[in-house]
Amino acid sequence: MLEVIGGAILIAFGFFAIFISAGEGFSDPKTLVVILAGVLAIIVGSWLIISTLTLGIILRKIAGLIIGGIGLFLIFGFPDVPDYQPNDMSFAGIIIGFIMAIIGIYLILF
């Protein structure tokens, strides 16, 4: 957990250094050094955060996005056409959509 916090601090410092230096102008050589230090801080911070992730975590998050997306489609885009399906089928699709959306959100968050 400390790696993620340290990485977030480095990324924030890097963006802050680049933002402040860009406002000063690029004519001063010290400004270019600060910009390079900011870019280096962003790279190191990103590496710290990414290196703590495992393949299982990444696959779980992708599965959560896919299942949550299918669930949201079933909630909001499930066809409600009584010509070729009974009215109760739309309720079943919405309930299944809620279940899938909740599972997807759980996989994304935890």
Protein backbone atom coordinates (compact mmCIF):
# COMPACT_ATOMS: atom_id res chain seq x y z
CA MET A 1 0.00 0.00 0.00
CA LEU A 2 2.88 2.36 0.72
CA GLU A 3 4.15 1.88 -2.85
CA VAL A 4 0.85 3.11 -4.24
CA ILE A 5 0.85 6.15 -1.94
CA GLY A 6 4.46 6.94 -2.82
CA GLY A 7 3.71 6.54 -6.52
CA ALA A 8 0.71 8.84 -6.26
CA ILE A 9 2.82 11.47 -4.48
CA LEU A 10 5.52 11.26 -7.15
CA ILE A 11 2.99 11.55 -9.98
CA ALA A 12 1.31 14.54 -8.31
CA PHE A 13 4.70 16.20 -7.73
CA GLY A 14 5.67 15.60 -11.36
CA PHE A 15 2.49 17.14 -12.74
CA PHE A 16 2.79 20.04 -10.31
CA ALA A 17 6.41 20.70 -11.33
CA ILE A 18 5.54 20.61 -15.04
CA PHE A 19 2.52 22.86 -14.53
CA ILE A 20 4.46 25.47 -12.56
CA SER A 21 7.43 25.36 -14.96
CA ALA A 22 5.24 25.72 -18.03
CA GLY A 23 3.84 28.94 -16.58
CA GLU A 24 7.35 30.37 -16.16
CA GLY A 25 8.47 29.83 -19.76
CA PHE A 26 11.10 27.62 -21.31
CA SER A 27 13.96 30.09 -21.74
CA ASP A 28 15.68 29.40 -18.40
CA PRO A 29 17.85 26.25 -18.22
CA LYS A 30 16.72 25.66 -14.62
CA THR A 31 13.15 25.42 -15.87
CA LEU A 32 14.11 22.63 -18.25
CA VAL A 33 15.78 20.75 -15.39
CA VAL A 34 12.59 21.08 -13.31
CA ILE A 35 10.49 19.83 -16.23
CA LEU A 36 12.81 16.85 -16.72
CA ALA A 37 12.64 16.12 -12.97
CA GLY A 38 8.84 16.28 -13.18
CA VAL A 39 8.73 13.87 -16.11
CA LEU A 40 11.11 11.53 -14.28
CA ALA A 41 8.92 11.69 -11.15
CA ILE A 42 5.84 10.80 -13.22
CA ILE A 43 7.63 7.84 -14.82
CA VAL A 44 8.95 6.51 -11.49
CA GLY A 45 5.57 7.01 -9.77
CA SER A 46 3.74 5.23 -12.58
CA TRP A 47 6.23 2.38 -12.44
CA LEU A 48 5.72 2.06 -8.67
CA ILE A 49 1.96 1.82 -9.07
CA ILE A 50 2.01 -0.52 -12.06
CA SER A 51 4.62 -2.83 -10.52
CA THR A 52 2.33 -3.57 -7.58
CA LEU A 53 -0.43 -4.85 -9.88
CA THR A 54 -0.54 -8.54 -10.67
CA LEU A 55 -2.08 -10.24 -13.68
CA GLY A 56 -4.92 -11.59 -11.53
CA ILE A 57 -5.89 -8.11 -10.37
CA ILE A 58 -5.82 -6.72 -13.91
CA LEU A 59 -7.93 -9.61 -15.27
CA ARG A 60 -10.41 -9.20 -12.40
CA LYS A 61 -10.82 -5.49 -13.20
CA ILE A 62 -11.30 -6.20 -16.91
CA ALA A 63 -13.87 -8.89 -16.12
CA GLY A 64 -15.63 -6.42 -13.81
CA LEU A 65 -15.78 -3.84 -16.60
CA ILE A 66 -17.19 -6.36 -19.07
CA ILE A 67 -19.76 -7.84 -16.68
CA GLY A 68 -20.77 -4.37 -15.45
CA GLY A 69 -21.15 -3.14 -19.04
CA ILE A 70 -23.36 -6.08 -19.95
CA GLY A 71 -25.39 -5.46 -16.79
CA LEU A 72 -25.86 -1.79 -17.66
CA PHE A 73 -26.94 -2.77 -21.16
CA LEU A 74 -29.53 -5.16 -19.74
CA ILE A 75 -30.80 -2.46 -17.36
CA PHE A 76 -31.08 0.38 -19.85
CA GLY A 77 -31.06 -1.20 -23.31
CA PHE A 78 -32.91 -4.47 -22.96
CA PRO A 79 -35.61 -4.60 -25.61
CA ASP A 80 -39.10 -4.07 -24.32
CA VAL A 81 -41.03 -5.15 -27.36
CA PRO A 82 -44.18 -7.13 -26.53
CA ASP A 83 -44.48 -8.31 -30.16
CA TYR A 84 -41.97 -11.11 -29.77
CA GLN A 85 -41.59 -11.56 -26.01
CA PRO A 86 -43.85 -11.49 -22.96
CA ASN A 87 -43.83 -8.38 -20.77
CA ASP A 88 -42.35 -10.31 -17.85
CA MET A 89 -39.21 -11.01 -19.87
CA SER A 90 -38.23 -7.34 -19.71
CA PHE A 91 -38.41 -7.48 -15.90
CA ALA A 92 -36.27 -10.63 -15.88
CA GLY A 93 -33.69 -8.91 -18.11
CA ILE A 94 -33.58 -5.87 -15.83
CA ILE A 95 -33.16 -8.02 -12.70
CA ILE A 96 -30.37 -10.01 -14.36
CA GLY A 97 -28.84 -6.69 -15.41
CA PHE A 98 -28.86 -5.37 -11.85
CA ILE A 99 -27.23 -8.57 -10.61
CA MET A 100 -24.52 -8.39 -13.26
CA ALA A 101 -23.93 -4.67 -12.67
CA ILE A 102 -23.52 -5.24 -8.93
CA ILE A 103 -21.09 -8.12 -9.53
CA GLY A 104 -19.16 -5.98 -12.01
CA ILE A 105 -18.90 -3.07 -9.59
CA TYR A 106 -17.74 -5.44 -6.86
CA LEU A 107 -15.03 -6.85 -9.12
CA ILE A 108 -13.87 -3.36 -10.08
CA LEU A 109 -13.73 -2.04 -6.52
CA PHE A 110 -12.41 -5.05 -4.60
